[in-house]
Every structure is written in C-alpha cells, then in structure tokens.
Protein backbone atom coordinates (compact mmCIF):
# COMPACT_ATOMS: atom_id res chain seq x y z
CA MET A 1 -31.64 -1.35 -5.84
CA GLU A 2 -30.00 1.03 -5.12
CA PRO A 3 -30.14 3.07 -1.88
CA CYS A 4 -32.00 6.04 -1.29
CA CYS A 5 -29.40 9.59 -1.33
CA GLN A 6 -29.02 10.82 2.01
CA PHE A 7 -28.70 14.63 0.06
CA CYS A 8 -31.74 14.46 -2.94
CA GLY A 9 -33.77 11.60 -1.70
CA LEU A 10 -33.95 9.51 -5.15
CA HIS A 11 -31.80 6.69 -6.86
CA CYS A 12 -28.81 8.84 -7.52
CA PHE A 13 -26.24 6.22 -7.45
CA GLN A 14 -24.70 5.28 -10.22
CA PRO A 15 -21.91 2.60 -11.10
CA PHE A 16 -18.57 3.74 -12.19
CA PRO A 17 -18.49 5.01 -15.35
CA GLU A 18 -16.69 3.26 -17.68
CA GLY A 19 -12.89 3.93 -18.04
CA THR A 20 -12.76 5.15 -14.88
CA PRO A 21 -9.21 4.91 -13.53
CA TYR A 22 -7.29 2.64 -10.82
CA PHE A 23 -6.50 5.78 -8.76
CA ALA A 24 -9.47 7.11 -8.57
CA ARG A 25 -11.46 4.22 -8.05
CA ASN A 26 -9.16 3.42 -4.95
CA CYS A 27 -9.72 7.44 -4.06
CA TYR A 28 -13.93 5.65 -2.62
CA ASN A 29 -12.23 3.35 -0.31
CA VAL A 30 -14.60 3.66 3.53
CA GLY A 31 -13.93 0.91 6.20
CA GLY A 32 -11.31 -0.55 3.72
CA LYS A 33 -13.57 -1.99 1.28
CA ASN A 34 -14.31 -0.23 -2.11
CA VAL A 35 -16.92 2.00 -2.96
CA ALA A 36 -19.15 0.56 -6.28
CA ILE A 37 -21.55 3.17 -6.78
CA ILE A 38 -21.46 7.07 -6.88
CA ALA A 39 -23.92 9.64 -6.61
CA THR A 40 -25.09 11.52 -9.72
CA CYS A 41 -26.28 14.54 -8.21
CA ALA A 42 -25.05 18.31 -7.23
CA GLU A 43 -25.13 17.32 -3.74
CA GLY A 44 -23.63 13.90 -3.06
CA GLN A 45 -21.73 14.83 -5.85
CA ALA A 46 -20.04 18.27 -3.67
CA TYR A 47 -19.30 15.76 -0.76
CA GLU A 48 -17.99 12.75 -2.46
CA LEU A 49 -15.70 15.72 -4.32
CA GLU A 50 -14.37 16.90 -0.81
CA LYS A 51 -14.39 13.75 0.84
CA PHE A 52 -12.93 11.22 -1.51
CA GLY A 53 -11.47 14.12 -3.70
CA TRP A 54 -13.30 12.85 -6.80
CA SER A 55 -17.14 12.79 -8.40
CA TYR A 56 -19.01 11.09 -10.94
CA ASP A 57 -18.64 14.34 -12.72
CA THR A 58 -14.84 15.21 -12.43
CA ILE A 59 -14.45 11.12 -13.16
CA ARG A 60 -16.41 11.85 -16.06
CA THR A 61 -14.39 15.10 -17.16
CA TYR A 62 -10.84 13.25 -16.38
CA ILE A 63 -12.31 10.08 -19.27
CA GLN A 64 -13.14 12.98 -21.50
CA THR A 65 -10.24 15.13 -21.02
CA SER A 66 -7.04 12.73 -20.88
CA GLN A 67 -4.65 11.03 -22.79
CA PRO A 68 -3.51 6.73 -21.15
CA ARG A 69 -0.94 7.77 -18.79
CA LYS A 70 1.34 5.49 -16.87
CA GLY A 71 2.22 6.32 -13.18
CA ASP A 72 -1.01 8.77 -12.43
CA PRO A 73 -0.74 9.33 -8.68
CA SER A 74 -2.54 8.04 -6.35
CA CYS A 75 -5.42 10.44 -4.09
CA PRO A 76 -5.26 13.56 -3.88
CA LEU A 77 -6.84 13.57 -0.65
CA LYS A 78 -6.96 10.65 2.00
C-alpha cells in the first residue's frame, strides 16, 4: 500500500498515467532515484508542479493533447 499523503492525509498516490513521456518521468528524481508514484490531490499536485515541473493532471493533459514528437525537451525545471 502506498504511503499517506502529507497534504491530504489519504492514500492519494497513483502510478504514473499510461503514456507518461520519458522527459516528465525523468523530472521525478529524488536522491538519484526515480519516483514510482505521484500525488493526485490538489495540494500534492501543486507541490509536485512547483518542485518537478509536472503533476498528475499536467501529465494527463499532455497525454490527451499532444502528438508524439521526437526530441521533446528534458525537464522544464531542475
């Protein structure tokens, strides 16, 4: 079972959505390790958006609205 979220106190974490681009996944690097689950609550997503440049909703929006492109940029934030 996934850990409780520090923002909502629930188990809001989910695996990355199917089709998450590699450059978004690569942004979720903590201590040299890639994160496997991400927050789905509003507060958790706001934190991840600020820290990593992506959130569950922004990833889903990207998947739904983007055409696959070669050479997409790496992380927008470091």
